[in-house]
């Protein structure tokens, strides 16, 4: 009987967590969205160039700076930091 009470308590806690997450998402407090500034997304991927099956070059815009990144199984490396050019998006 004690095992049944424990399983019921665990199920009740999980259900309560699920309902809380659902409520927070409806209110806009929880989600997987990228952090956004007032004018739109703060970070966007401008271009992606695959170099091989596990290596990629990425051009990413964060605010007023464009970043050239190299991605590999070992991690991500900043190659160049470029100021945003006038006339680009």
PDB file of N, CA and C in Angstrom:
ATOM      1  N   UNK A   1       0.817  -1.195   0.000  1.00  0.00           N
ATOM      2  CA  UNK A   1       0.000   0.000   0.000  1.00  0.00           C
ATOM      3  C   UNK A   1       0.860   1.259   0.000  1.00  0.00           C
ATOM      4  N   UNK A   2       1.995   1.202   0.688  1.00  0.00           N
ATOM      5  CA  UNK A   2       2.870   2.371   0.763  1.00  0.00           C
ATOM      6  C   UNK A   2       3.420   2.729  -0.614  1.00  0.00           C
ATOM      7  N   UNK A   3       3.694   1.713  -1.434  1.00  0.00           N
ATOM      8  CA  UNK A   3       4.211   1.942  -2.782  1.00  0.00           C
ATOM      9  C   UNK A   3       3.179   2.689  -3.628  1.00  0.00           C
ATOM     10  N   UNK A   4       1.919   2.337  -3.489  1.00  0.00           N
ATOM     11  CA  UNK A   4       0.844   2.984  -4.252  1.00  0.00           C
ATOM     12  C   UNK A   4       0.712   4.458  -3.856  1.00  0.00           C
ATOM     13  N   UNK A   5       0.866   4.765  -2.580  1.00  0.00           N
ATOM     14  CA  UNK A   5       0.790   6.149  -2.111  1.00  0.00           C
ATOM     15  C   UNK A   5       1.943   6.978  -2.678  1.00  0.00           C
ATOM     16  N   UNK A   6       3.134   6.393  -2.729  1.00  0.00           N
ATOM     17  CA  UNK A   6       4.290   7.101  -3.277  1.00  0.00           C
ATOM     18  C   UNK A   6       4.117   7.372  -4.766  1.00  0.00           C
ATOM     19  N   UNK A   7       3.631   6.384  -5.500  1.00  0.00           N
ATOM     20  CA  UNK A   7       3.417   6.556  -6.939  1.00  0.00           C
ATOM     21  C   UNK A   7       2.336   7.597  -7.205  1.00  0.00           C
ATOM     22  N   UNK A   8       1.316   7.625  -6.387  1.00  0.00           N
ATOM     23  CA  UNK A   8       0.256   8.626  -6.526  1.00  0.00           C
ATOM     24  C   UNK A   8       0.807  10.018  -6.250  1.00  0.00           C
ATOM     25  N   UNK A   9       1.647  10.142  -5.237  1.00  0.00           N
ATOM     26  CA  UNK A   9       2.238  11.441  -4.913  1.00  0.00           C
ATOM     27  C   UNK A   9       3.147  11.932  -6.047  1.00  0.00           C
ATOM     28  N   UNK A  10       3.943  11.042  -6.615  1.00  0.00           N
ATOM     29  CA  UNK A  10       4.818  11.414  -7.741  1.00  0.00           C
ATOM     30  C   UNK A  10       3.973  11.836  -8.934  1.00  0.00           C
ATOM     31  N   UNK A  11       2.920  11.088  -9.256  1.00  0.00           N
ATOM     32  CA  UNK A  11       2.049  11.430 -10.383  1.00  0.00           C
ATOM     33  C   UNK A  11       1.382  12.778 -10.155  1.00  0.00           C
ATOM     34  N   UNK A  12       0.976  13.045  -8.922  1.00  0.00           N
ATOM     35  CA  UNK A  12       0.339  14.322  -8.593  1.00  0.00           C
ATOM     36  C   UNK A  12       1.320  15.481  -8.775  1.00  0.00           C
ATOM     37  N   UNK A  13       2.549  15.306  -8.332  1.00  0.00           N
ATOM     38  CA  UNK A  13       3.565  16.360  -8.483  1.00  0.00           C
ATOM     39  C   UNK A  13       3.859  16.605  -9.957  1.00  0.00           C
ATOM     40  N   UNK A  14       4.014  15.548 -10.757  1.00  0.00           N
ATOM     41  CA  UNK A  14       4.279  15.705 -12.186  1.00  0.00           C
ATOM     42  C   UNK A  14       3.114  16.391 -12.894  1.00  0.00           C
ATOM     43  N   UNK A  15       1.897  16.033 -12.526  1.00  0.00           N
ATOM     44  CA  UNK A  15       0.722  16.682 -13.111  1.00  0.00           C
ATOM     45  C   UNK A  15       0.685  18.159 -12.745  1.00  0.00           C
ATOM     46  N   UNK A  16       1.016  18.474 -11.505  1.00  0.00           N
ATOM     47  CA  UNK A  16       1.048  19.867 -11.064  1.00  0.00           C
ATOM     48  C   UNK A  16       2.114  20.661 -11.815  1.00  0.00           C
ATOM     49  N   UNK A  17       3.279  20.051 -12.048  1.00  0.00           N
ATOM     50  CA  UNK A  17       4.327  20.710 -12.837  1.00  0.00           C
ATOM     51  C   UNK A  17       3.876  20.943 -14.281  1.00  0.00           C
ATOM     52  N   UNK A  18       3.206  19.953 -14.852  1.00  0.00           N
ATOM     53  CA  UNK A  18       2.705  20.101 -16.220  1.00  0.00           C
ATOM     54  C   UNK A  18       1.681  21.216 -16.347  1.00  0.00           C
ATOM     55  N   UNK A  19       0.760  21.284 -15.414  1.00  0.00           N
ATOM     56  CA  UNK A  19      -0.259  22.344 -15.422  1.00  0.00           C
ATOM     57  C   UNK A  19       0.392  23.708 -15.233  1.00  0.00           C
ATOM     58  N   UNK A  20       1.392  23.790 -14.357  1.00  0.00           N
ATOM     59  CA  UNK A  20       2.090  25.055 -14.134  1.00  0.00           C
ATOM     60  C   UNK A  20       2.830  25.504 -15.386  1.00  0.00           C
ATOM     61  N   UNK A  21       3.503  24.583 -16.061  1.00  0.00           N
ATOM     62  CA  UNK A  21       4.208  24.924 -17.303  1.00  0.00           C
ATOM     63  C   UNK A  21       3.226  25.374 -18.376  1.00  0.00           C
ATOM     64  N   UNK A  22       2.108  24.680 -18.505  1.00  0.00           N
ATOM     65  CA  UNK A  22       1.094  25.070 -19.475  1.00  0.00           C
ATOM     66  C   UNK A  22       0.593  26.483 -19.186  1.00  0.00           C
ATOM     67  N   UNK A  23       0.309  26.790 -17.928  1.00  0.00           N
ATOM     68  CA  UNK A  23      -0.181  28.106 -17.540  1.00  0.00           C
ATOM     69  C   UNK A  23       0.862  29.186 -17.826  1.00  0.00           C
ATOM     70  N   UNK A  24       2.155  28.909 -17.503  1.00  0.00           N
ATOM     71  CA  UNK A  24       3.213  29.883 -17.757  1.00  0.00           C
ATOM     72  C   UNK A  24       3.394  30.137 -19.251  1.00  0.00           C
ATOM     73  N   UNK A  25       3.288  29.109 -20.067  1.00  0.00           N
ATOM     74  CA  UNK A  25       3.407  29.298 -21.513  1.00  0.00           C
ATOM     75  C   UNK A  25       2.250  30.127 -22.063  1.00  0.00           C
ATOM     76  N   UNK A  26       1.053  29.894 -21.560  1.00  0.00           N
ATOM     77  CA  UNK A  26      -0.101  30.687 -22.008  1.00  0.00           C
ATOM     78  C   UNK A  26       0.071  32.154 -21.654  1.00  0.00           C
ATOM     79  N   UNK A  27       0.698  32.426 -20.519  1.00  0.00           N
ATOM     80  CA  UNK A  27       0.930  33.803 -20.080  1.00  0.00           C
ATOM     81  C   UNK A  27       2.157  34.427 -20.732  1.00  0.00           C
ATOM     82  N   UNK A  28       2.963  33.612 -21.429  1.00  0.00           N
ATOM     83  CA  UNK A  28       4.142  34.135 -22.108  1.00  0.00           C
ATOM     84  C   UNK A  28       5.384  34.210 -21.243  1.00  0.00           C
ATOM     85  N   UNK A  29       5.375  33.554 -20.091  1.00  0.00           N
ATOM     86  CA  UNK A  29       6.522  33.589 -19.189  1.00  0.00           C
ATOM     87  C   UNK A  29       7.507  32.459 -19.434  1.00  0.00           C
ATOM     88  N   UNK A  30       7.098  31.423 -20.131  1.00  0.00           N
ATOM     89  CA  UNK A  30       7.982  30.287 -20.378  1.00  0.00           C
ATOM     90  C   UNK A  30       7.883  29.895 -21.841  1.00  0.00           C
ATOM     91  N   UNK A  31       9.011  29.539 -22.410  1.00  0.00           N
ATOM     92  CA  UNK A  31       9.022  29.110 -23.803  1.00  0.00           C
ATOM     93  C   UNK A  31      10.446  28.924 -24.270  1.00  0.00           C
ATOM     94  N   UNK A  32      10.581  28.474 -25.503  1.00  0.00           N
ATOM     95  CA  UNK A  32      11.892  28.214 -26.060  1.00  0.00           C
ATOM     96  C   UNK A  32      12.279  29.281 -27.069  1.00  0.00           C
ATOM     97  N   UNK A  33      11.634  30.414 -27.042  1.00  0.00           N
ATOM     98  CA  UNK A  33      11.915  31.478 -28.006  1.00  0.00           C
ATOM     99  C   UNK A  33      13.250  32.139 -27.705  1.00  0.00           C
ATOM    100  N   UNK A  34      13.871  32.670 -28.756  1.00  0.00           N
ATOM    101  CA  UNK A  34      15.109  33.431 -28.608  1.00  0.00           C
ATOM    102  C   UNK A  34      14.768  34.748 -27.920  1.00  0.00           C
ATOM    103  N   UNK A  35      15.654  35.188 -27.039  1.00  0.00           N
ATOM    104  CA  UNK A  35      15.424  36.468 -26.359  1.00  0.00           C
ATOM    105  C   UNK A  35      15.240  37.563 -27.398  1.00  0.00           C
ATOM    106  N   UNK A  36      14.240  38.401 -27.226  1.00  0.00           N
ATOM    107  CA  UNK A  36      13.915  39.412 -28.218  1.00  0.00           C
ATOM    108  C   UNK A  36      14.021  40.817 -27.637  1.00  0.00           C
ATOM    109  N   UNK A  37      14.514  41.698 -28.467  1.00  0.00           N
ATOM    110  CA  UNK A  37      14.530  43.115 -28.118  1.00  0.00           C
ATOM    111  C   UNK A  37      13.177  43.691 -28.532  1.00  0.00           C
ATOM    112  N   UNK A  38      12.956  44.960 -28.287  1.00  0.00           N
ATOM    113  CA  UNK A  38      11.674  45.559 -28.625  1.00  0.00           C
ATOM    114  C   UNK A  38      11.420  45.532 -30.125  1.00  0.00           C
ATOM    115  N   UNK A  39      12.467  45.655 -30.950  1.00  0.00           N
ATOM    116  CA  UNK A  39      12.297  45.713 -32.391  1.00  0.00           C
ATOM    117  C   UNK A  39      12.334  44.363 -33.074  1.00  0.00           C
ATOM    118  N   UNK A  40      12.550  43.280 -32.387  1.00  0.00           N
ATOM    119  CA  UNK A  40      12.617  41.964 -33.024  1.00  0.00           C
ATOM    120  C   UNK A  40      13.714  41.126 -32.395  1.00  0.00           C
ATOM    121  N   UNK A  41      14.136  40.079 -33.106  1.00  0.00           N
ATOM    122  CA  UNK A  41      15.142  39.188 -32.529  1.00  0.00           C
ATOM    123  C   UNK A  41      16.488  39.869 -32.355  1.00  0.00           C
ATOM    124  N   UNK A  42      17.167  39.561 -31.269  1.00  0.00           N
ATOM    125  CA  UNK A  42      18.496  40.123 -31.016  1.00  0.00           C
ATOM    126  C   UNK A  42      19.556  39.367 -31.783  1.00  0.00           C
ATOM    127  N   UNK A  43      19.303  38.114 -32.115  1.00  0.00           N
ATOM    128  CA  UNK A  43      20.296  37.285 -32.792  1.00  0.00           C
ATOM    129  C   UNK A  43      19.639  36.612 -33.992  1.00  0.00           C
ATOM    130  N   UNK A  44      20.332  36.662 -35.140  1.00  0.00           N
ATOM    131  CA  UNK A  44      19.809  35.978 -36.311  1.00  0.00           C
ATOM    132  C   UNK A  44      20.954  35.412 -37.131  1.00  0.00           C
ATOM    133  N   UNK A  45      20.713  34.263 -37.736  1.00  0.00           N
ATOM    134  CA  UNK A  45      21.700  33.612 -38.593  1.00  0.00           C
ATOM    135  C   UNK A  45      21.501  34.150 -40.006  1.00  0.00           C
ATOM    136  N   UNK A  46      22.506  34.865 -40.518  1.00  0.00           N
ATOM    137  CA  UNK A  46      22.406  35.454 -41.848  1.00  0.00           C
ATOM    138  C   UNK A  46      22.746  34.450 -42.941  1.00  0.00           C
ATOM    139  N   UNK A  47      23.814  33.688 -42.733  1.00  0.00           N
ATOM    140  CA  UNK A  47      24.222  32.690 -43.726  1.00  0.00           C
ATOM    141  C   UNK A  47      24.849  31.492 -43.037  1.00  0.00           C
ATOM    142  N   UNK A  48      24.774  30.359 -43.730  1.00  0.00           N
ATOM    143  CA  UNK A  48      25.382  29.115 -43.239  1.00  0.00           C
ATOM    144  C   UNK A  48      26.050  28.442 -44.427  1.00  0.00           C
ATOM    145  N   UNK A  49      27.333  28.116 -44.296  1.00  0.00           N
ATOM    146  CA  UNK A  49      28.088  27.481 -45.373  1.00  0.00           C
ATOM    147  C   UNK A  49      28.680  26.172 -44.861  1.00  0.00           C
ATOM    148  N   UNK A  50      28.111  25.021 -45.265  1.00  0.00           N
ATOM    149  CA  UNK A  50      28.681  23.743 -44.841  1.00  0.00           C
ATOM    150  C   UNK A  50      30.022  23.499 -45.544  1.00  0.00           C
ATOM    151  N   UNK A  51      31.032  23.149 -44.765  1.00  0.00           N
ATOM    152  CA  UNK A  51      32.353  22.858 -45.316  1.00  0.00           C
ATOM    153  C   UNK A  51      32.587  21.352 -45.428  1.00  0.00           C
ATOM    154  N   UNK A  52      31.849  20.598 -44.699  1.00  0.00           N
ATOM    155  CA  UNK A  52      31.961  19.144 -44.682  1.00  0.00           C
ATOM    156  C   UNK A  52      30.828  18.606 -43.837  1.00  0.00           C
ATOM    157  N   UNK A  53      30.836  17.302 -43.569  1.00  0.00           N
ATOM    158  CA  UNK A  53      29.738  16.728 -42.800  1.00  0.00           C
ATOM    159  C   UNK A  53      29.616  17.276 -41.374  1.00  0.00           C
ATOM    160  N   UNK A  54      30.726  17.737 -40.781  1.00  0.00           N
ATOM    161  CA  UNK A  54      30.664  18.200 -39.398  1.00  0.00           C
ATOM    162  C   UNK A  54      31.268  19.592 -39.202  1.00  0.00           C
ATOM    163  N   UNK A  55      31.580  20.285 -40.283  1.00  0.00           N
ATOM    164  CA  UNK A  55      32.194  21.611 -40.183  1.00  0.00           C
ATOM    165  C   UNK A  55      31.363  22.633 -40.955  1.00  0.00           C
ATOM    166  N   UNK A  56      31.115  23.784 -40.333  1.00  0.00           N
ATOM    167  CA  UNK A  56      30.255  24.802 -40.925  1.00  0.00           C
ATOM    168  C   UNK A  56      30.783  26.188 -40.595  1.00  0.00           C
ATOM    169  N   UNK A  57      30.644  27.110 -41.552  1.00  0.00           N
ATOM    170  CA  UNK A  57      30.880  28.534 -41.292  1.00  0.00           C
ATOM    171  C   UNK A  57      29.524  29.196 -41.141  1.00  0.00           C
ATOM    172  N   UNK A  58      29.398  30.059 -40.140  1.00  0.00           N
ATOM    173  CA  UNK A  58      28.140  30.751 -39.871  1.00  0.00           C
ATOM    174  C   UNK A  58      28.381  32.252 -39.813  1.00  0.00           C
ATOM    175  N   UNK A  59      27.500  33.012 -40.426  1.00  0.00           N
ATOM    176  CA  UNK A  59      27.504  34.459 -40.296  1.00  0.00           C
ATOM    177  C   UNK A  59      26.286  34.818 -39.464  1.00  0.00           C
ATOM    178  N   UNK A  60      26.523  35.325 -38.266  1.00  0.00           N
ATOM    179  CA  UNK A  60      25.466  35.582 -37.289  1.00  0.00           C
ATOM    180  C   UNK A  60      25.459  37.062 -36.948  1.00  0.00           C
ATOM    181  N   UNK A  61      24.270  37.656 -36.888  1.00  0.00           N
ATOM    182  CA  UNK A  61      24.135  39.055 -36.478  1.00  0.00           C
ATOM    183  C   UNK A  61      23.608  39.109 -35.050  1.00  0.00           C
ATOM    184  N   UNK A  62      24.337  39.829 -34.200  1.00  0.00           N
ATOM    185  CA  UNK A  62      23.903  40.073 -32.816  1.00  0.00           C
ATOM    186  C   UNK A  62      23.919  41.574 -32.607  1.00  0.00           C
ATOM    187  N   UNK A  63      22.728  42.170 -32.627  1.00  0.00           N
ATOM    188  CA  UNK A  63      22.641  43.620 -32.459  1.00  0.00           C
ATOM    189  C   UNK A  63      23.267  44.337 -33.642  1.00  0.00           C
ATOM    190  N   UNK A  64      24.304  45.126 -33.383  1.00  0.00           N
ATOM    191  CA  UNK A  64      24.978  45.892 -34.425  1.00  0.00           C
ATOM    192  C   UNK A  64      26.277  45.258 -34.874  1.00  0.00           C
ATOM    193  N   UNK A  65      26.494  44.000 -34.562  1.00  0.00           N
ATOM    194  CA  UNK A  65      27.740  43.322 -34.897  1.00  0.00           C
ATOM    195  C   UNK A  65      27.430  42.035 -35.659  1.00  0.00           C
ATOM    196  N   UNK A  66      28.197  41.797 -36.734  1.00  0.00           N
ATOM    197  CA  UNK A  66      28.128  40.536 -37.454  1.00  0.00           C
ATOM    198  C   UNK A  66      29.316  39.681 -37.025  1.00  0.00           C
ATOM    199  N   UNK A  67      29.054  38.401 -36.742  1.00  0.00           N
ATOM    200  CA  UNK A  67      30.091  37.491 -36.275  1.00  0.00           C
ATOM    201  C   UNK A  67      30.271  36.361 -37.278  1.00  0.00           C
ATOM    202  N   UNK A  68      31.517  36.073 -37.662  1.00  0.00           N
ATOM    203  CA  UNK A  68      31.827  34.922 -38.489  1.00  0.00           C
ATOM    204  C   UNK A  68      32.320  33.826 -37.554  1.00  0.00           C
ATOM    205  N   UNK A  69      31.579  32.709 -37.502  1.00  0.00           N
ATOM    206  CA  UNK A  69      31.871  31.623 -36.579  1.00  0.00           C
ATOM    207  C   UNK A  69      32.174  30.346 -37.341  1.00  0.00           C
ATOM    208  N   UNK A  70      33.054  29.539 -36.789  1.00  0.00           N
ATOM    209  CA  UNK A  70      33.335  28.208 -37.320  1.00  0.00           C
ATOM    210  C   UNK A  70      32.800  27.192 -36.327  1.00  0.00           C
ATOM    211  N   UNK A  71      32.018  26.250 -36.829  1.00  0.00           N
ATOM    212  CA  UNK A  71      31.428  25.224 -35.983  1.00  0.00           C
ATOM    213  C   UNK A  71      31.996  23.863 -36.373  1.00  0.00           C
ATOM    214  N   UNK A  72      32.407  23.088 -35.370  1.00  0.00           N
ATOM    215  CA  UNK A  72      32.956  21.751 -35.588  1.00  0.00           C
ATOM    216  C   UNK A  72      32.580  20.880 -34.393  1.00  0.00           C
ATOM    217  N   UNK A  73      32.876  19.595 -34.443  1.00  0.00           N
ATOM    218  CA  UNK A  73      32.576  18.743 -33.289  1.00  0.00           C
ATOM    219  C   UNK A  73      33.322  19.185 -32.028  1.00  0.00           C
ATOM    220  N   UNK A  74      34.434  19.874 -32.186  1.00  0.00           N
ATOM    221  CA  UNK A  74      35.195  20.339 -31.025  1.00  0.00           C
ATOM    222  C   UNK A  74      34.565  21.567 -30.374  1.00  0.00           C
ATOM    223  N   UNK A  75      33.665  22.248 -31.083  1.00  0.00           N
ATOM    224  CA  UNK A  75      33.020  23.427 -30.524  1.00  0.00           C
ATOM    225  C   UNK A  75      32.855  24.514 -31.565  1.00  0.00           C
ATOM    226  N   UNK A  76      32.675  25.720 -31.078  1.00  0.00           N
ATOM    227  CA  UNK A  76      32.439  26.883 -31.927  1.00  0.00           C
ATOM    228  C   UNK A  76      33.568  27.881 -31.692  1.00  0.00           C
ATOM    229  N   UNK A  77      34.076  28.504 -32.782  1.00  0.00           N
ATOM    230  CA  UNK A  77      35.188  29.438 -32.676  1.00  0.00           C
ATOM    231  C   UNK A  77      34.834  30.721 -33.395  1.00  0.00           C
ATOM    232  N   UNK A  78      35.112  31.854 -32.753  1.00  0.00           N
ATOM    233  CA  UNK A  78      34.920  33.159 -33.375  1.00  0.00           C
ATOM    234  C   UNK A  78      36.091  33.428 -34.303  1.00  0.00           C
ATOM    235  N   UNK A  79      35.807  33.634 -35.584  1.00  0.00           N
ATOM    236  CA  UNK A  79      36.857  33.906 -36.560  1.00  0.00           C
ATOM    237  C   UNK A  79      37.030  35.402 -36.752  1.00  0.00           C
ATOM    238  N   UNK A  80      35.920  36.113 -36.906  1.00  0.00           N
ATOM    239  CA  UNK A  80      35.994  37.553 -37.178  1.00  0.00           C
ATOM    240  C   UNK A  80      34.775  38.249 -36.593  1.00  0.00           C
ATOM    241  N   UNK A  81      34.996  39.447 -36.075  1.00  0.00           N
ATOM    242  CA  UNK A  81      33.927  40.287 -35.548  1.00  0.00           C
ATOM    243  C   UNK A  81      33.854  41.510 -36.452  1.00  0.00           C
ATOM    244  N   UNK A  82      32.734  41.688 -37.136  1.00  0.00           N
ATOM    245  CA  UNK A  82      32.590  42.753 -38.124  1.00  0.00           C
ATOM    246  C   UNK A  82      31.518  43.750 -37.685  1.00  0.00           C
ATOM    247  N   UNK A  83      31.807  45.055 -37.741  1.00  0.00           N
ATOM    248  CA  UNK A  83      30.748  46.010 -37.457  1.00  0.00           C
ATOM    249  C   UNK A  83      29.682  45.940 -38.550  1.00  0.00           C
ATOM    250  N   UNK A  84      28.457  46.175 -38.188  1.00  0.00           N
ATOM    251  CA  UNK A  84      27.353  46.108 -39.152  1.00  0.00           C
ATOM    252  C   UNK A  84      27.518  47.205 -40.194  1.00  0.00           C
ATOM    253  N   UNK A  85      27.427  46.808 -41.463  1.00  0.00           N
ATOM    254  CA  UNK A  85      27.571  47.772 -42.553  1.00  0.00           C
ATOM    255  C   UNK A  85      26.289  48.555 -42.749  1.00  0.00           C
ATOM    256  N   UNK A  86      26.415  49.827 -43.124  1.00  0.00           N
ATOM    257  CA  UNK A  86      25.248  50.655 -43.434  1.00  0.00           C
ATOM    258  C   UNK A  86      24.581  50.108 -44.686  1.00  0.00           C
ATOM    259  N   UNK A  87      23.271  50.121 -44.701  1.00  0.00           N
ATOM    260  CA  UNK A  87      22.535  49.658 -45.868  1.00  0.00           C
ATOM    261  C   UNK A  87      22.211  48.177 -45.830  1.00  0.00           C
ATOM    262  N   UNK A  88      22.756  47.440 -44.883  1.00  0.00           N
ATOM    263  CA  UNK A  88      22.424  46.024 -44.783  1.00  0.00           C
ATOM    264  C   UNK A  88      21.253  45.860 -43.833  1.00  0.00           C
ATOM    265  N   UNK A  89      20.228  45.212 -44.287  1.00  0.00           N
ATOM    266  CA  UNK A  89      18.988  44.949 -43.556  1.00  0.00           C
ATOM    267  C   UNK A  89      18.741  45.933 -42.494  1.00  0.00           C
TER     268      UNK A  89
END
